[in-house]
C-alpha atoms as a PDB file:
ATOM      1  CA  UNK A   1      51.835 -48.282 -52.871  1.00  0.00           C
ATOM      2  CA  UNK A   2      52.313 -47.691 -56.479  1.00  0.00           C
ATOM      3  CA  UNK A   3      48.865 -46.278 -56.703  1.00  0.00           C
ATOM      4  CA  UNK A   4      49.701 -43.574 -54.151  1.00  0.00           C
ATOM      5  CA  UNK A   5      52.555 -42.412 -56.350  1.00  0.00           C
ATOM      6  CA  UNK A   6      50.087 -41.450 -59.044  1.00  0.00           C
ATOM      7  CA  UNK A   7      49.727 -37.610 -59.074  1.00  0.00           C
ATOM      8  CA  UNK A   8      45.966 -37.768 -59.650  1.00  0.00           C
ATOM      9  CA  UNK A   9      45.468 -39.893 -56.519  1.00  0.00           C
ATOM     10  CA  UNK A  10      47.787 -37.598 -54.608  1.00  0.00           C
ATOM     11  CA  UNK A  11      45.642 -34.647 -55.607  1.00  0.00           C
ATOM     12  CA  UNK A  12      42.470 -36.459 -54.584  1.00  0.00           C
ATOM     13  CA  UNK A  13      44.019 -37.342 -51.210  1.00  0.00           C
ATOM     14  CA  UNK A  14      45.223 -33.763 -50.749  1.00  0.00           C
ATOM     15  CA  UNK A  15      41.774 -32.427 -51.661  1.00  0.00           C
ATOM     16  CA  UNK A  16      40.189 -34.926 -49.270  1.00  0.00           C
ATOM     17  CA  UNK A  17      42.601 -33.895 -46.496  1.00  0.00           C
ATOM     18  CA  UNK A  18      41.945 -30.199 -47.239  1.00  0.00           C
ATOM     19  CA  UNK A  19      38.195 -30.822 -47.071  1.00  0.00           C
ATOM     20  CA  UNK A  20      38.581 -32.745 -43.815  1.00  0.00           C
ATOM     21  CA  UNK A  21      40.758 -29.933 -42.429  1.00  0.00           C
ATOM     22  CA  UNK A  22      38.255 -27.247 -43.497  1.00  0.00           C
ATOM     23  CA  UNK A  23      35.369 -29.272 -42.056  1.00  0.00           C
ATOM     24  CA  UNK A  24      37.374 -29.785 -38.854  1.00  0.00           C
ATOM     25  CA  UNK A  25      38.063 -26.044 -38.608  1.00  0.00           C
ATOM     26  CA  UNK A  26      34.430 -25.268 -39.319  1.00  0.00           C
ATOM     27  CA  UNK A  27      33.314 -27.728 -36.591  1.00  0.00           C
ATOM     28  CA  UNK A  28      35.858 -26.232 -34.172  1.00  0.00           C
ATOM     29  CA  UNK A  29      34.647 -22.714 -34.939  1.00  0.00           C
ATOM     30  CA  UNK A  30      31.009 -23.774 -34.563  1.00  0.00           C
ATOM     31  CA  UNK A  31      31.800 -25.443 -31.214  1.00  0.00           C
ATOM     32  CA  UNK A  32      33.744 -22.359 -30.162  1.00  0.00           C
ATOM     33  CA  UNK A  33      30.785 -20.174 -31.044  1.00  0.00           C
ATOM     34  CA  UNK A  34      28.459 -22.428 -29.017  1.00  0.00           C
ATOM     35  CA  UNK A  35      30.932 -22.363 -26.125  1.00  0.00           C
ATOM     36  CA  UNK A  36      31.112 -18.557 -26.274  1.00  0.00           C
ATOM     37  CA  UNK A  37      27.317 -18.329 -26.377  1.00  0.00           C
ATOM     38  CA  UNK A  38      27.072 -20.737 -23.451  1.00  0.00           C
ATOM     39  CA  UNK A  39      29.728 -18.786 -21.551  1.00  0.00           C
ATOM     40  CA  UNK A  40      27.915 -15.507 -22.279  1.00  0.00           C
ATOM     41  CA  UNK A  41      24.599 -17.001 -21.163  1.00  0.00           C
ATOM     42  CA  UNK A  42      26.208 -18.279 -17.941  1.00  0.00           C
ATOM     43  CA  UNK A  43      27.865 -14.915 -17.336  1.00  0.00           C
ATOM     44  CA  UNK A  44      24.546 -13.152 -17.932  1.00  0.00           C
ATOM     45  CA  UNK A  45      22.746 -15.547 -15.575  1.00  0.00           C
ATOM     46  CA  UNK A  46      25.464 -15.062 -12.945  1.00  0.00           C
ATOM     47  CA  UNK A  47      25.167 -11.296 -13.310  1.00  0.00           C
ATOM     48  CA  UNK A  48      21.386 -11.472 -13.012  1.00  0.00           C
ATOM     49  CA  UNK A  49      21.693 -13.656  -9.940  1.00  0.00           C
ATOM     50  CA  UNK A  50      24.246 -11.309  -8.370  1.00  0.00           C
ATOM     51  CA  UNK A  51      22.005  -8.315  -9.132  1.00  0.00           C
ATOM     52  CA  UNK A  52      19.008 -10.091  -7.586  1.00  0.00           C
ATOM     53  CA  UNK A  53      21.019 -10.980  -4.472  1.00  0.00           C
ATOM     54  CA  UNK A  54      22.262  -7.396  -4.203  1.00  0.00           C
ATOM     55  CA  UNK A  55      18.727  -6.047  -4.601  1.00  0.00           C
ATOM     56  CA  UNK A  56      17.439  -8.523  -2.026  1.00  0.00           C
ATOM     57  CA  UNK A  57      20.211  -7.493   0.366  1.00  0.00           C
ATOM     58  CA  UNK A  58      19.355  -3.824  -0.211  1.00  0.00           C
ATOM     59  CA  UNK A  59      15.672  -4.503   0.459  1.00  0.00           C
ATOM     60  CA  UNK A  60      16.531  -6.422   3.641  1.00  0.00           C
ATOM     61  CA  UNK A  61      18.863  -3.658   4.807  1.00  0.00           C
ATOM     62  CA  UNK A  62      16.250  -1.013   4.046  1.00  0.00           C
ATOM     63  CA  UNK A  63      13.594  -3.014   5.868  1.00  0.00           C
ATOM     64  CA  UNK A  64      15.876  -3.468   8.893  1.00  0.00           C
ATOM     65  CA  UNK A  65      16.738   0.231   8.866  1.00  0.00           C
ATOM     66  CA  UNK A  66      13.050   1.150   8.671  1.00  0.00           C
ATOM     67  CA  UNK A  67      12.252  -1.231  11.552  1.00  0.00           C
ATOM     68  CA  UNK A  68      15.029   0.326  13.618  1.00  0.00           C
ATOM     69  CA  UNK A  69      13.816   3.820  12.751  1.00  0.00           C
ATOM     70  CA  UNK A  70      10.250   2.951  13.756  1.00  0.00           C
ATOM     71  CA  UNK A  71      11.451   1.346  16.981  1.00  0.00           C
ATOM     72  CA  UNK A  72      13.564   4.381  17.898  1.00  0.00           C
ATOM     73  CA  UNK A  73      10.708   6.698  16.974  1.00  0.00           C
ATOM     74  CA  UNK A  74       8.364   4.742  19.188  1.00  0.00           C
ATOM     75  CA  UNK A  75      10.878   4.806  22.027  1.00  0.00           C
ATOM     76  CA  UNK A  76      11.208   8.591  21.710  1.00  0.00           C
ATOM     77  CA  UNK A  77       7.414   8.928  21.594  1.00  0.00           C
ATOM     78  CA  UNK A  78       6.986   6.733  24.672  1.00  0.00           C
ATOM     79  CA  UNK A  79       9.696   8.646  26.530  1.00  0.00           C
ATOM     80  CA  UNK A  80       7.960  11.929  25.708  1.00  0.00           C
ATOM     81  CA  UNK A  81       4.605  10.513  26.854  1.00  0.00           C
ATOM     82  CA  UNK A  82       6.155   9.283  30.101  1.00  0.00           C
ATOM     83  CA  UNK A  83       7.774  12.658  30.769  1.00  0.00           C
ATOM     84  CA  UNK A  84       4.498  14.516  30.203  1.00  0.00           C
ATOM     85  CA  UNK A  85       2.467  12.030  32.271  1.00  0.00           C
ATOM     86  CA  UNK A  86       4.946  12.375  35.142  1.00  0.00           C
ATOM     87  CA  UNK A  87       4.865  16.147  34.728  1.00  0.00           C
ATOM     88  CA  UNK A  88       1.063  16.096  35.026  1.00  0.00           C
ATOM     89  CA  UNK A  89       1.228  13.948  38.170  1.00  0.00           C
ATOM     90  CA  UNK A  90       3.906  16.138  39.726  1.00  0.00           C
ATOM     91  CA  UNK A  91       2.179  19.382  38.742  1.00  0.00           C
ATOM     92  CA  UNK A  92      -1.213  18.151  39.951  1.00  0.00           C
ATOM     93  CA  UNK A  93       0.228  17.459  43.400  1.00  0.00           C
ATOM     94  CA  UNK A  94       1.597  21.005  43.592  1.00  0.00           C
ATOM     95  CA  UNK A  95      -1.676  22.842  43.038  1.00  0.00           C
ATOM     96  CA  UNK A  96      -1.238  26.434  44.257  1.00  0.00           C
ATOM     97  CA  UNK A  97      -4.063  27.604  46.470  1.00  0.00           C
ATOM     98  CA  UNK A  98      -3.581  31.340  46.992  1.00  0.00           C
ATOM     99  CA  UNK A  99      -1.166  32.749  44.378  1.00  0.00           C
ATOM    100  CA  UNK A 100      -3.114  33.670  41.214  1.00  0.00           C
ATOM    101  CA  UNK A 101       0.051  34.006  39.102  1.00  0.00           C
ATOM    102  CA  UNK A 102       1.243  30.545  40.202  1.00  0.00           C
ATOM    103  CA  UNK A 103      -2.237  29.179  39.428  1.00  0.00           C
ATOM    104  CA  UNK A 104      -1.979  30.529  35.854  1.00  0.00           C
ATOM    105  CA  UNK A 105       1.437  28.886  35.408  1.00  0.00           C
ATOM    106  CA  UNK A 106       0.154  25.667  36.957  1.00  0.00           C
ATOM    107  CA  UNK A 107      -2.843  25.624  34.599  1.00  0.00           C
ATOM    108  CA  UNK A 108      -0.651  26.398  31.588  1.00  0.00           C
ATOM    109  CA  UNK A 109       1.728  23.555  32.471  1.00  0.00           C
ATOM    110  CA  UNK A 110      -1.157  21.105  32.893  1.00  0.00           C
ATOM    111  CA  UNK A 111      -2.844  22.204  29.653  1.00  0.00           C
ATOM    112  CA  UNK A 112       0.381  22.007  27.642  1.00  0.00           C
ATOM    113  CA  UNK A 113       1.122  18.458  28.780  1.00  0.00           C
ATOM    114  CA  UNK A 114      -2.478  17.366  28.194  1.00  0.00           C
ATOM    115  CA  UNK A 115      -2.508  18.884  24.694  1.00  0.00           C
ATOM    116  CA  UNK A 116       0.754  17.102  23.853  1.00  0.00           C
ATOM    117  CA  UNK A 117      -0.611  13.756  25.070  1.00  0.00           C
ATOM    118  CA  UNK A 118      -4.001  14.268  23.470  1.00  0.00           C
ATOM    119  CA  UNK A 119      -7.589  13.465  24.240  1.00  0.00           C
ATOM    120  CA  UNK A 120      -7.180   9.769  23.373  1.00  0.00           C
ATOM    121  CA  UNK A 121      -4.643   9.154  26.168  1.00  0.00           C
ATOM    122  CA  UNK A 122      -6.169  11.475  28.775  1.00  0.00           C
ATOM    123  CA  UNK A 123      -9.913  11.875  28.135  1.00  0.00           C
ATOM    124  CA  UNK A 124     -10.772  12.908  31.717  1.00  0.00           C
ATOM    125  CA  UNK A 125      -7.989  15.491  31.930  1.00  0.00           C
ATOM    126  CA  UNK A 126      -9.028  16.753  28.490  1.00  0.00           C
ATOM    127  CA  UNK A 127     -12.583  17.404  29.706  1.00  0.00           C
ATOM    128  CA  UNK A 128     -11.240  19.364  32.693  1.00  0.00           C
ATOM    129  CA  UNK A 129      -8.474  21.459  31.124  1.00  0.00           C
ATOM    130  CA  UNK A 130      -9.208  21.721  27.401  1.00  0.00           C
ATOM    131  CA  UNK A 131     -12.941  21.394  26.777  1.00  0.00           C
ATOM    132  CA  UNK A 132     -13.706  22.686  30.314  1.00  0.00           C
ATOM    133  CA  UNK A 133     -16.718  20.429  30.717  1.00  0.00           C
ATOM    134  CA  UNK A 134     -15.743  19.682  34.327  1.00  0.00           C
ATOM    135  CA  UNK A 135     -14.001  21.485  37.194  1.00  0.00           C
ATOM    136  CA  UNK A 136     -10.572  20.617  38.565  1.00  0.00           C
ATOM    137  CA  UNK A 137     -11.822  20.473  42.146  1.00  0.00           C
ATOM    138  CA  UNK A 138     -14.498  17.924  41.177  1.00  0.00           C
ATOM    139  CA  UNK A 139     -12.269  15.746  38.958  1.00  0.00           C
ATOM    140  CA  UNK A 140      -8.861  16.073  40.676  1.00  0.00           C
ATOM    141  CA  UNK A 141      -8.668  12.440  41.792  1.00  0.00           C
ATOM    142  CA  UNK A 142      -9.812  11.069  38.424  1.00  0.00           C
ATOM    143  CA  UNK A 143      -7.309  13.210  36.500  1.00  0.00           C
ATOM    144  CA  UNK A 144      -4.487  12.226  38.843  1.00  0.00           C
ATOM    145  CA  UNK A 145      -5.410   8.528  38.619  1.00  0.00           C
ATOM    146  CA  UNK A 146      -5.646   8.721  34.822  1.00  0.00           C
ATOM    147  CA  UNK A 147      -2.208  10.364  34.546  1.00  0.00           C
ATOM    148  CA  UNK A 148      -0.655   7.828  36.943  1.00  0.00           C
ATOM    149  CA  UNK A 149      -2.124   4.912  35.006  1.00  0.00           C
ATOM    150  CA  UNK A 150      -0.826   6.382  31.754  1.00  0.00           C
ATOM    151  CA  UNK A 151       2.650   6.814  33.249  1.00  0.00           C
ATOM    152  CA  UNK A 152       2.731   3.197  34.449  1.00  0.00           C
ATOM    153  CA  UNK A 153       1.436   1.804  31.143  1.00  0.00           C
ATOM    154  CA  UNK A 154       3.893   3.845  29.082  1.00  0.00           C
ATOM    155  CA  UNK A 155       6.783   2.925  31.393  1.00  0.00           C
ATOM    156  CA  UNK A 156       5.957  -0.767  30.943  1.00  0.00           C
ATOM    157  CA  UNK A 157       5.892  -0.438  27.164  1.00  0.00           C
ATOM    158  CA  UNK A 158       9.080   1.608  27.213  1.00  0.00           C
ATOM    159  CA  UNK A 159      10.858  -0.980  29.311  1.00  0.00           C
ATOM    160  CA  UNK A 160       9.564  -4.087  27.571  1.00  0.00           C
ATOM    161  CA  UNK A 161      12.471  -6.458  28.308  1.00  0.00           C
ATOM    162  CA  UNK A 162      11.323  -9.341  26.157  1.00  0.00           C
ATOM    163  CA  UNK A 163      11.090  -7.605  22.837  1.00  0.00           C
ATOM    164  CA  UNK A 164      12.658  -5.296  20.301  1.00  0.00           C
ATOM    165  CA  UNK A 165       9.725  -4.353  18.110  1.00  0.00           C
ATOM    166  CA  UNK A 166       7.225  -1.622  17.519  1.00  0.00           C
ATOM    167  CA  UNK A 167       4.248  -2.017  19.861  1.00  0.00           C
ATOM    168  CA  UNK A 168       1.763  -0.084  17.795  1.00  0.00           C
ATOM    169  CA  UNK A 169       1.489   1.848  14.566  1.00  0.00           C
ATOM    170  CA  UNK A 170       2.542   5.449  14.982  1.00  0.00           C
END
């Protein structure tokens, strides 16, 4: 104990304790810096992950919205096709025989519906009313059958009970 009372030893001990304290503070600061860097890296990774999840959710929502839009567009298209096919069938049954003015209106109604539906859906009716390659009196039954078949096919697609999807590319 007498040796500890010596001022030179006291100074050495105090210097040693000061060095240990400074080293301890330096180690604590270094560990704190590493902890901050780790925390920042984790926060950045969490932010990236949250951004990716948000972007994925946005893509999924956009995809679902686009699917719904296409489905509703198809339903509207099918409804329009059904209405025009039924109009053709109904108009074809009411062919006027003597009134020239009524015949013009009848022909206009048939042509308009056939143009809306197009040559792909009604090729026989197209040849009669649009390209005029055939006569109505000769092709009446074929046109009527074609329009009825179209109406039935479109009604089945429109009322597809087992699905909620787009049947074809529009």
